[in-house]
């Protein structure tokens, strides 16, 4: 009897939390997609602007690292500058979003190779999380085109959109993994347990909107606390590193906002529960 009462109290608590989350979503449904897009492309905007102000440094870095002429270094900077700022403008204007996602995705791949991120597990996982956000952005753009897949029902069945959402959810959690700091303190242990549970829930699509909402709030707190670049003097190299981390995490937060706005999709525990 005691176990049954505890389960009932737990379910009531979860139901109240979901109702509260639904109220937030209903009041912000017109703002949420725009905010999600803005957050998601913020790292590309910041990096594009940085290419403009650090033109010579970036050109010389690429030329020296890859032992190539300054012409190739210049082309690398131009691609990153116009590719990122152009892609950001297209996403925010909702024009040719599929092309914009392809351009920004190419930028992620090129930078992964150019900056040797393949050999840095932490930065590689962050780029994978960023790619997950782009997949969710692509899924959102496809959901706005009801006739995109001719002959395929818009509800029910596993359309390409649902697999994009699944892939996006899986890749997003890599960002949280990079923020884990393992030590033996009580509060750190609680943080790891709660965060890991939420991460698993988002991945499998269980209580997805509530889990993603809590996780993005938690990520926002960690981002502001650990990556407060505005507190560091502009002449210190640490400021650039913190700024880079801040905007990358903000982009993943944008991806989680898209999860909240779109829902888990067809390949998820939530969807299977509705069917059964």
C-alpha atoms as a PDB file:
ATOM      1  CA  UNK A   1       0.000   0.000   0.000  1.00  0.00           C
ATOM      2  CA  UNK A   2       2.811   2.395   0.902  1.00  0.00           C
ATOM      3  CA  UNK A   3       4.552   1.742  -2.411  1.00  0.00           C
ATOM      4  CA  UNK A   4       1.289   2.323  -4.293  1.00  0.00           C
ATOM      5  CA  UNK A   5       0.740   5.606  -2.455  1.00  0.00           C
ATOM      6  CA  UNK A   6       4.288   6.721  -3.240  1.00  0.00           C
ATOM      7  CA  UNK A   7       3.833   5.875  -6.922  1.00  0.00           C
ATOM      8  CA  UNK A   8       0.565   7.804  -6.975  1.00  0.00           C
ATOM      9  CA  UNK A   9       2.175  10.842  -5.354  1.00  0.00           C
ATOM     10  CA  UNK A  10       5.077  10.659  -7.819  1.00  0.00           C
ATOM     11  CA  UNK A  11       2.676  10.466 -10.776  1.00  0.00           C
ATOM     12  CA  UNK A  12       0.687  13.426  -9.442  1.00  0.00           C
ATOM     13  CA  UNK A  13       3.888  15.454  -9.155  1.00  0.00           C
ATOM     14  CA  UNK A  14       4.915  14.597 -12.722  1.00  0.00           C
ATOM     15  CA  UNK A  15       1.435  15.403 -14.032  1.00  0.00           C
ATOM     16  CA  UNK A  16       1.484  18.799 -12.322  1.00  0.00           C
ATOM     17  CA  UNK A  17       4.938  19.505 -13.744  1.00  0.00           C
ATOM     18  CA  UNK A  18       3.738  18.561 -17.243  1.00  0.00           C
ATOM     19  CA  UNK A  19       0.653  20.761 -16.862  1.00  0.00           C
ATOM     20  CA  UNK A  20       2.863  23.664 -15.813  1.00  0.00           C
ATOM     21  CA  UNK A  21       5.161  23.068 -18.790  1.00  0.00           C
ATOM     22  CA  UNK A  22       2.139  22.930 -21.124  1.00  0.00           C
ATOM     23  CA  UNK A  23       0.921  26.276 -19.793  1.00  0.00           C
ATOM     24  CA  UNK A  24       4.316  27.824 -20.504  1.00  0.00           C
ATOM     25  CA  UNK A  25       4.305  26.379 -24.014  1.00  0.00           C
ATOM     26  CA  UNK A  26       0.778  27.591 -24.758  1.00  0.00           C
ATOM     27  CA  UNK A  27       1.676  31.144 -23.770  1.00  0.00           C
ATOM     28  CA  UNK A  28       4.963  31.110 -25.693  1.00  0.00           C
ATOM     29  CA  UNK A  29       4.045  29.029 -28.756  1.00  0.00           C
ATOM     30  CA  UNK A  30       4.326  32.013 -31.105  1.00  0.00           C
ATOM     31  CA  UNK A  31       7.659  33.166 -29.671  1.00  0.00           C
ATOM     32  CA  UNK A  32       9.340  29.812 -29.030  1.00  0.00           C
ATOM     33  CA  UNK A  33      10.227  28.829 -32.641  1.00  0.00           C
ATOM     34  CA  UNK A  34      11.752  32.264 -33.316  1.00  0.00           C
ATOM     35  CA  UNK A  35      13.721  32.185 -30.056  1.00  0.00           C
ATOM     36  CA  UNK A  36      14.893  28.647 -30.823  1.00  0.00           C
ATOM     37  CA  UNK A  37      16.166  29.636 -34.268  1.00  0.00           C
ATOM     38  CA  UNK A  38      17.874  32.735 -32.892  1.00  0.00           C
ATOM     39  CA  UNK A  39      19.671  30.742 -30.186  1.00  0.00           C
ATOM     40  CA  UNK A  40      20.569  27.922 -32.554  1.00  0.00           C
ATOM     41  CA  UNK A  41      22.340  30.126 -35.108  1.00  0.00           C
ATOM     42  CA  UNK A  42      23.992  32.394 -32.513  1.00  0.00           C
ATOM     43  CA  UNK A  43      27.299  30.507 -32.571  1.00  0.00           C
ATOM     44  CA  UNK A  44      27.490  30.789 -36.363  1.00  0.00           C
ATOM     45  CA  UNK A  45      26.790  34.518 -36.178  1.00  0.00           C
ATOM     46  CA  UNK A  46      29.435  35.031 -33.481  1.00  0.00           C
ATOM     47  CA  UNK A  47      32.006  33.017 -35.415  1.00  0.00           C
ATOM     48  CA  UNK A  48      31.225  34.830 -38.668  1.00  0.00           C
ATOM     49  CA  UNK A  49      31.722  38.197 -36.980  1.00  0.00           C
ATOM     50  CA  UNK A  50      34.951  36.914 -35.418  1.00  0.00           C
ATOM     51  CA  UNK A  51      36.214  35.968 -38.885  1.00  0.00           C
ATOM     52  CA  UNK A  52      35.726  39.591 -39.923  1.00  0.00           C
ATOM     53  CA  UNK A  53      37.548  41.101 -36.947  1.00  0.00           C
ATOM     54  CA  UNK A  54      40.295  38.437 -36.832  1.00  0.00           C
ATOM     55  CA  UNK A  55      40.717  38.169 -40.588  1.00  0.00           C
ATOM     56  CA  UNK A  56      44.524  38.126 -40.649  1.00  0.00           C
ATOM     57  CA  UNK A  57      44.915  35.867 -37.615  1.00  0.00           C
ATOM     58  CA  UNK A  58      42.532  33.223 -38.956  1.00  0.00           C
ATOM     59  CA  UNK A  59      44.119  33.330 -42.429  1.00  0.00           C
ATOM     60  CA  UNK A  60      47.629  32.944 -41.036  1.00  0.00           C
ATOM     61  CA  UNK A  61      46.560  30.177 -38.624  1.00  0.00           C
ATOM     62  CA  UNK A  62      45.062  28.090 -41.422  1.00  0.00           C
ATOM     63  CA  UNK A  63      48.037  28.703 -43.733  1.00  0.00           C
ATOM     64  CA  UNK A  64      50.601  27.742 -41.085  1.00  0.00           C
ATOM     65  CA  UNK A  65      48.665  24.758 -39.716  1.00  0.00           C
ATOM     66  CA  UNK A  66      48.112  23.188 -43.123  1.00  0.00           C
ATOM     67  CA  UNK A  67      51.358  24.465 -44.663  1.00  0.00           C
ATOM     68  CA  UNK A  68      49.565  26.082 -47.587  1.00  0.00           C
ATOM     69  CA  UNK A  69      49.614  29.464 -49.294  1.00  0.00           C
ATOM     70  CA  UNK A  70      47.860  32.507 -47.884  1.00  0.00           C
ATOM     71  CA  UNK A  71      45.432  32.281 -50.823  1.00  0.00           C
ATOM     72  CA  UNK A  72      43.949  29.078 -49.389  1.00  0.00           C
ATOM     73  CA  UNK A  73      43.912  30.676 -45.956  1.00  0.00           C
ATOM     74  CA  UNK A  74      42.023  33.618 -47.416  1.00  0.00           C
ATOM     75  CA  UNK A  75      39.498  31.302 -49.110  1.00  0.00           C
ATOM     76  CA  UNK A  76      38.986  29.496 -45.791  1.00  0.00           C
ATOM     77  CA  UNK A  77      38.203  32.764 -44.009  1.00  0.00           C
ATOM     78  CA  UNK A  78      35.878  33.930 -46.809  1.00  0.00           C
ATOM     79  CA  UNK A  79      33.978  30.640 -46.758  1.00  0.00           C
ATOM     80  CA  UNK A  80      33.504  30.814 -42.990  1.00  0.00           C
ATOM     81  CA  UNK A  81      32.572  34.496 -43.078  1.00  0.00           C
ATOM     82  CA  UNK A  82      29.991  34.491 -45.863  1.00  0.00           C
ATOM     83  CA  UNK A  83      28.843  30.902 -45.330  1.00  0.00           C
ATOM     84  CA  UNK A  84      27.970  31.487 -41.688  1.00  0.00           C
ATOM     85  CA  UNK A  85      26.511  34.995 -41.913  1.00  0.00           C
ATOM     86  CA  UNK A  86      24.604  34.100 -45.084  1.00  0.00           C
ATOM     87  CA  UNK A  87      23.266  30.887 -43.550  1.00  0.00           C
ATOM     88  CA  UNK A  88      22.198  32.734 -40.401  1.00  0.00           C
ATOM     89  CA  UNK A  89      20.346  35.365 -42.446  1.00  0.00           C
ATOM     90  CA  UNK A  90      18.515  32.668 -44.443  1.00  0.00           C
ATOM     91  CA  UNK A  91      17.478  30.779 -41.295  1.00  0.00           C
ATOM     92  CA  UNK A  92      16.186  33.871 -39.492  1.00  0.00           C
ATOM     93  CA  UNK A  93      14.352  35.037 -42.627  1.00  0.00           C
ATOM     94  CA  UNK A  94      12.945  31.493 -43.140  1.00  0.00           C
ATOM     95  CA  UNK A  95      14.177  31.514 -46.723  1.00  0.00           C
ATOM     96  CA  UNK A  96      15.585  28.318 -48.281  1.00  0.00           C
ATOM     97  CA  UNK A  97      16.174  26.838 -44.833  1.00  0.00           C
ATOM     98  CA  UNK A  98      17.247  23.469 -46.269  1.00  0.00           C
ATOM     99  CA  UNK A  99      20.035  25.160 -48.235  1.00  0.00           C
ATOM    100  CA  UNK A 100      21.016  27.229 -45.185  1.00  0.00           C
ATOM    101  CA  UNK A 101      21.246  24.085 -43.034  1.00  0.00           C
ATOM    102  CA  UNK A 102      23.417  22.429 -45.697  1.00  0.00           C
ATOM    103  CA  UNK A 103      25.754  25.446 -45.762  1.00  0.00           C
ATOM    104  CA  UNK A 104      26.016  25.647 -41.966  1.00  0.00           C
ATOM    105  CA  UNK A 105      26.477  21.880 -41.734  1.00  0.00           C
ATOM    106  CA  UNK A 106      29.322  22.108 -44.245  1.00  0.00           C
ATOM    107  CA  UNK A 107      30.901  24.841 -42.118  1.00  0.00           C
ATOM    108  CA  UNK A 108      30.766  22.530 -39.083  1.00  0.00           C
ATOM    109  CA  UNK A 109      32.445  19.706 -41.030  1.00  0.00           C
ATOM    110  CA  UNK A 110      35.115  21.978 -42.540  1.00  0.00           C
ATOM    111  CA  UNK A 111      35.960  23.520 -39.168  1.00  0.00           C
ATOM    112  CA  UNK A 112      36.089  20.077 -37.546  1.00  0.00           C
ATOM    113  CA  UNK A 113      38.835  19.113 -39.993  1.00  0.00           C
ATOM    114  CA  UNK A 114      40.573  22.506 -40.271  1.00  0.00           C
ATOM    115  CA  UNK A 115      40.938  23.007 -36.514  1.00  0.00           C
ATOM    116  CA  UNK A 116      41.817  19.321 -35.871  1.00  0.00           C
ATOM    117  CA  UNK A 117      38.712  18.923 -33.707  1.00  0.00           C
ATOM    118  CA  UNK A 118      38.542  15.243 -34.705  1.00  0.00           C
ATOM    119  CA  UNK A 119      41.294  14.559 -32.175  1.00  0.00           C
ATOM    120  CA  UNK A 120      39.721  16.567 -29.342  1.00  0.00           C
ATOM    121  CA  UNK A 121      36.862  14.543 -27.862  1.00  0.00           C
ATOM    122  CA  UNK A 122      35.283  17.466 -26.011  1.00  0.00           C
ATOM    123  CA  UNK A 123      35.124  19.788 -29.016  1.00  0.00           C
ATOM    124  CA  UNK A 124      34.088  16.934 -31.307  1.00  0.00           C
ATOM    125  CA  UNK A 125      31.103  16.154 -29.069  1.00  0.00           C
ATOM    126  CA  UNK A 126      30.141  19.839 -29.059  1.00  0.00           C
ATOM    127  CA  UNK A 127      30.221  19.936 -32.852  1.00  0.00           C
ATOM    128  CA  UNK A 128      28.090  16.784 -32.947  1.00  0.00           C
ATOM    129  CA  UNK A 129      25.581  18.470 -30.637  1.00  0.00           C
ATOM    130  CA  UNK A 130      25.599  21.483 -32.956  1.00  0.00           C
ATOM    131  CA  UNK A 131      24.901  19.170 -35.901  1.00  0.00           C
ATOM    132  CA  UNK A 132      21.974  17.743 -33.929  1.00  0.00           C
ATOM    133  CA  UNK A 133      20.518  21.229 -33.579  1.00  0.00           C
ATOM    134  CA  UNK A 134      20.796  21.730 -37.341  1.00  0.00           C
ATOM    135  CA  UNK A 135      18.938  18.449 -37.943  1.00  0.00           C
ATOM    136  CA  UNK A 136      16.120  19.638 -35.682  1.00  0.00           C
ATOM    137  CA  UNK A 137      16.049  22.927 -37.577  1.00  0.00           C
ATOM    138  CA  UNK A 138      15.709  20.964 -40.812  1.00  0.00           C
ATOM    139  CA  UNK A 139      12.884  18.908 -39.274  1.00  0.00           C
ATOM    140  CA  UNK A 140      11.087  22.104 -38.249  1.00  0.00           C
ATOM    141  CA  UNK A 141      11.359  23.546 -41.752  1.00  0.00           C
ATOM    142  CA  UNK A 142       9.950  20.337 -43.207  1.00  0.00           C
ATOM    143  CA  UNK A 143       7.028  20.366 -40.788  1.00  0.00           C
ATOM    144  CA  UNK A 144       6.029  23.722 -42.264  1.00  0.00           C
ATOM    145  CA  UNK A 145       5.700  22.196 -45.728  1.00  0.00           C
ATOM    146  CA  UNK A 146       2.730  19.850 -45.586  1.00  0.00           C
ATOM    147  CA  UNK A 147       3.159  18.653 -49.148  1.00  0.00           C
ATOM    148  CA  UNK A 148       6.919  18.145 -49.050  1.00  0.00           C
ATOM    149  CA  UNK A 149       6.631  14.332 -49.049  1.00  0.00           C
ATOM    150  CA  UNK A 150       3.941  13.545 -51.587  1.00  0.00           C
ATOM    151  CA  UNK A 151       1.841  10.521 -50.715  1.00  0.00           C
ATOM    152  CA  UNK A 152       3.211  10.257 -47.189  1.00  0.00           C
ATOM    153  CA  UNK A 153       0.724  10.960 -44.348  1.00  0.00           C
ATOM    154  CA  UNK A 154       1.549  14.011 -42.281  1.00  0.00           C
ATOM    155  CA  UNK A 155       0.634  12.228 -39.055  1.00  0.00           C
ATOM    156  CA  UNK A 156       1.498   8.690 -38.080  1.00  0.00           C
ATOM    157  CA  UNK A 157       4.192   6.611 -39.667  1.00  0.00           C
ATOM    158  CA  UNK A 158       7.887   7.261 -39.552  1.00  0.00           C
ATOM    159  CA  UNK A 159       8.553   9.989 -42.100  1.00  0.00           C
ATOM    160  CA  UNK A 160      12.033  11.422 -42.732  1.00  0.00           C
ATOM    161  CA  UNK A 161      11.078  14.227 -40.335  1.00  0.00           C
ATOM    162  CA  UNK A 162      10.705  11.801 -37.421  1.00  0.00           C
ATOM    163  CA  UNK A 163      14.150  10.326 -38.042  1.00  0.00           C
ATOM    164  CA  UNK A 164      15.636  13.810 -38.262  1.00  0.00           C
ATOM    165  CA  UNK A 165      14.093  14.564 -34.864  1.00  0.00           C
ATOM    166  CA  UNK A 166      15.435  11.311 -33.402  1.00  0.00           C
ATOM    167  CA  UNK A 167      18.951  11.952 -34.748  1.00  0.00           C
ATOM    168  CA  UNK A 168      18.823  15.550 -33.529  1.00  0.00           C
ATOM    169  CA  UNK A 169      17.785  14.503 -30.015  1.00  0.00           C
ATOM    170  CA  UNK A 170      20.554  11.915 -29.800  1.00  0.00           C
ATOM    171  CA  UNK A 171      23.254  14.334 -30.967  1.00  0.00           C
ATOM    172  CA  UNK A 172      22.101  17.165 -28.688  1.00  0.00           C
ATOM    173  CA  UNK A 173      22.912  15.244 -25.526  1.00  0.00           C
ATOM    174  CA  UNK A 174      26.618  15.256 -26.402  1.00  0.00           C
ATOM    175  CA  UNK A 175      26.753  18.878 -25.257  1.00  0.00           C
ATOM    176  CA  UNK A 176      25.628  17.878 -21.778  1.00  0.00           C
ATOM    177  CA  UNK A 177      28.333  15.188 -21.664  1.00  0.00           C
ATOM    178  CA  UNK A 178      31.020  17.845 -22.192  1.00  0.00           C
ATOM    179  CA  UNK A 179      29.750  19.747 -19.138  1.00  0.00           C
ATOM    180  CA  UNK A 180      29.957  16.803 -16.738  1.00  0.00           C
ATOM    181  CA  UNK A 181      32.607  17.201 -14.050  1.00  0.00           C
ATOM    182  CA  UNK A 182      33.144  14.049 -12.039  1.00  0.00           C
ATOM    183  CA  UNK A 183      34.065  14.396  -8.385  1.00  0.00           C
ATOM    184  CA  UNK A 184      32.926  12.841  -5.117  1.00  0.00           C
ATOM    185  CA  UNK A 185      30.965  15.764  -3.675  1.00  0.00           C
ATOM    186  CA  UNK A 186      27.328  15.154  -2.761  1.00  0.00           C
ATOM    187  CA  UNK A 187      25.842  17.985  -4.814  1.00  0.00           C
ATOM    188  CA  UNK A 188      27.951  17.135  -7.876  1.00  0.00           C
ATOM    189  CA  UNK A 189      26.755  13.525  -7.669  1.00  0.00           C
ATOM    190  CA  UNK A 190      23.110  14.649  -7.487  1.00  0.00           C
ATOM    191  CA  UNK A 191      23.690  16.982 -10.441  1.00  0.00           C
ATOM    192  CA  UNK A 192      25.178  14.171 -12.544  1.00  0.00           C
ATOM    193  CA  UNK A 193      22.356  11.761 -11.695  1.00  0.00           C
ATOM    194  CA  UNK A 194      19.527  14.216 -12.420  1.00  0.00           C
ATOM    195  CA  UNK A 195      21.172  15.568 -15.567  1.00  0.00           C
ATOM    196  CA  UNK A 196      21.905  12.084 -16.890  1.00  0.00           C
ATOM    197  CA  UNK A 197      18.315  10.954 -16.322  1.00  0.00           C
ATOM    198  CA  UNK A 198      17.000  14.005 -18.201  1.00  0.00           C
ATOM    199  CA  UNK A 199      19.514  13.366 -20.966  1.00  0.00           C
ATOM    200  CA  UNK A 200      18.296   9.776 -21.366  1.00  0.00           C
ATOM    201  CA  UNK A 201      14.650  10.925 -21.339  1.00  0.00           C
ATOM    202  CA  UNK A 202      15.312  13.425 -24.135  1.00  0.00           C
ATOM    203  CA  UNK A 203      17.188  10.804 -26.155  1.00  0.00           C
ATOM    204  CA  UNK A 204      14.467   8.136 -26.003  1.00  0.00           C
ATOM    205  CA  UNK A 205      11.628  10.660 -26.198  1.00  0.00           C
ATOM    206  CA  UNK A 206      10.052  10.029 -22.775  1.00  0.00           C
ATOM    207  CA  UNK A 207       8.236  12.986 -21.183  1.00  0.00           C
ATOM    208  CA  UNK A 208      10.131  14.792 -23.906  1.00  0.00           C
ATOM    209  CA  UNK A 209       8.865  18.353 -23.665  1.00  0.00           C
ATOM    210  CA  UNK A 210       9.152  18.476 -19.878  1.00  0.00           C
ATOM    211  CA  UNK A 211      12.585  16.803 -19.865  1.00  0.00           C
ATOM    212  CA  UNK A 212      13.925  19.093 -22.613  1.00  0.00           C
ATOM    213  CA  UNK A 213      12.523  22.170 -20.864  1.00  0.00           C
ATOM    214  CA  UNK A 214      14.199  21.286 -17.557  1.00  0.00           C
ATOM    215  CA  UNK A 215      17.452  20.331 -19.299  1.00  0.00           C
ATOM    216  CA  UNK A 216      17.637  23.560 -21.297  1.00  0.00           C
ATOM    217  CA  UNK A 217      17.011  25.595 -18.131  1.00  0.00           C
ATOM    218  CA  UNK A 218      19.805  23.680 -16.413  1.00  0.00           C
ATOM    219  CA  UNK A 219      22.134  24.163 -19.379  1.00  0.00           C
ATOM    220  CA  UNK A 220      21.352  27.886 -19.372  1.00  0.00           C
ATOM    221  CA  UNK A 221      22.355  28.174 -15.710  1.00  0.00           C
ATOM    222  CA  UNK A 222      25.588  26.229 -16.302  1.00  0.00           C
ATOM    223  CA  UNK A 223      26.341  28.282 -19.410  1.00  0.00           C
ATOM    224  CA  UNK A 224      25.980  31.633 -17.648  1.00  0.00           C
ATOM    225  CA  UNK A 225      27.967  30.398 -14.634  1.00  0.00           C
ATOM    226  CA  UNK A 226      30.901  28.698 -16.388  1.00  0.00           C
ATOM    227  CA  UNK A 227      31.148  30.782 -19.587  1.00  0.00           C
ATOM    228  CA  UNK A 228      30.682  34.350 -18.328  1.00  0.00           C
ATOM    229  CA  UNK A 229      33.049  35.849 -20.922  1.00  0.00           C
ATOM    230  CA  UNK A 230      31.759  39.371 -20.206  1.00  0.00           C
ATOM    231  CA  UNK A 231      33.473  39.186 -16.806  1.00  0.00           C
ATOM    232  CA  UNK A 232      36.907  38.679 -18.414  1.00  0.00           C
ATOM    233  CA  UNK A 233      38.942  41.656 -19.754  1.00  0.00           C
ATOM    234  CA  UNK A 234      38.968  41.865 -23.562  1.00  0.00           C
ATOM    235  CA  UNK A 235      42.769  41.640 -23.727  1.00  0.00           C
ATOM    236  CA  UNK A 236      42.879  38.153 -22.176  1.00  0.00           C
ATOM    237  CA  UNK A 237      42.784  35.059 -24.468  1.00  0.00           C
ATOM    238  CA  UNK A 238      40.442  33.363 -21.978  1.00  0.00           C
ATOM    239  CA  UNK A 239      37.660  35.725 -23.081  1.00  0.00           C
ATOM    240  CA  UNK A 240      37.640  34.290 -26.623  1.00  0.00           C
ATOM    241  CA  UNK A 241      37.558  30.711 -25.334  1.00  0.00           C
ATOM    242  CA  UNK A 242      34.674  31.439 -22.966  1.00  0.00           C
ATOM    243  CA  UNK A 243      32.788  33.340 -25.667  1.00  0.00           C
ATOM    244  CA  UNK A 244      33.174  30.388 -28.045  1.00  0.00           C
ATOM    245  CA  UNK A 245      31.873  27.958 -25.400  1.00  0.00           C
ATOM    246  CA  UNK A 246      29.025  30.301 -24.451  1.00  0.00           C
ATOM    247  CA  UNK A 247      27.624  30.640 -27.952  1.00  0.00           C
ATOM    248  CA  UNK A 248      28.078  26.954 -28.788  1.00  0.00           C
ATOM    249  CA  UNK A 249      26.099  26.021 -25.688  1.00  0.00           C
ATOM    250  CA  UNK A 250      23.483  28.656 -26.570  1.00  0.00           C
ATOM    251  CA  UNK A 251      23.059  26.989 -29.966  1.00  0.00           C
ATOM    252  CA  UNK A 252      22.398  23.632 -28.315  1.00  0.00           C
ATOM    253  CA  UNK A 253      19.898  25.343 -26.007  1.00  0.00           C
ATOM    254  CA  UNK A 254      18.205  26.526 -29.204  1.00  0.00           C
ATOM    255  CA  UNK A 255      18.074  22.911 -30.346  1.00  0.00           C
ATOM    256  CA  UNK A 256      16.407  21.894 -27.077  1.00  0.00           C
ATOM    257  CA  UNK A 257      13.909  24.724 -27.562  1.00  0.00           C
ATOM    258  CA  UNK A 258      13.066  23.169 -30.930  1.00  0.00           C
ATOM    259  CA  UNK A 259      12.543  19.814 -29.177  1.00  0.00           C
ATOM    260  CA  UNK A 260      10.132  21.562 -26.812  1.00  0.00           C
ATOM    261  CA  UNK A 261       8.338  23.285 -29.703  1.00  0.00           C
ATOM    262  CA  UNK A 262       8.187  20.289 -32.076  1.00  0.00           C
ATOM    263  CA  UNK A 263       7.773  17.426 -29.642  1.00  0.00           C
ATOM    264  CA  UNK A 264       9.634  14.108 -29.837  1.00  0.00           C
ATOM    265  CA  UNK A 265       8.374  12.920 -33.223  1.00  0.00           C
ATOM    266  CA  UNK A 266       7.216   9.447 -34.226  1.00  0.00           C
ATOM    267  CA  UNK A 267      10.251   7.477 -33.047  1.00  0.00           C
ATOM    268  CA  UNK A 268       9.854   8.022 -29.308  1.00  0.00           C
ATOM    269  CA  UNK A 269       8.454   6.481 -26.156  1.00  0.00           C
ATOM    270  CA  UNK A 270       5.856   9.265 -25.926  1.00  0.00           C
ATOM    271  CA  UNK A 271       4.507   8.448 -29.384  1.00  0.00           C
ATOM    272  CA  UNK A 272       4.422   4.702 -28.727  1.00  0.00           C
ATOM    273  CA  UNK A 273       2.523   5.293 -25.471  1.00  0.00           C
ATOM    274  CA  UNK A 274      -0.165   7.184 -27.398  1.00  0.00           C
ATOM    275  CA  UNK A 275      -0.574   4.249 -29.806  1.00  0.00           C
ATOM    276  CA  UNK A 276      -0.803   1.657 -27.061  1.00  0.00           C
END
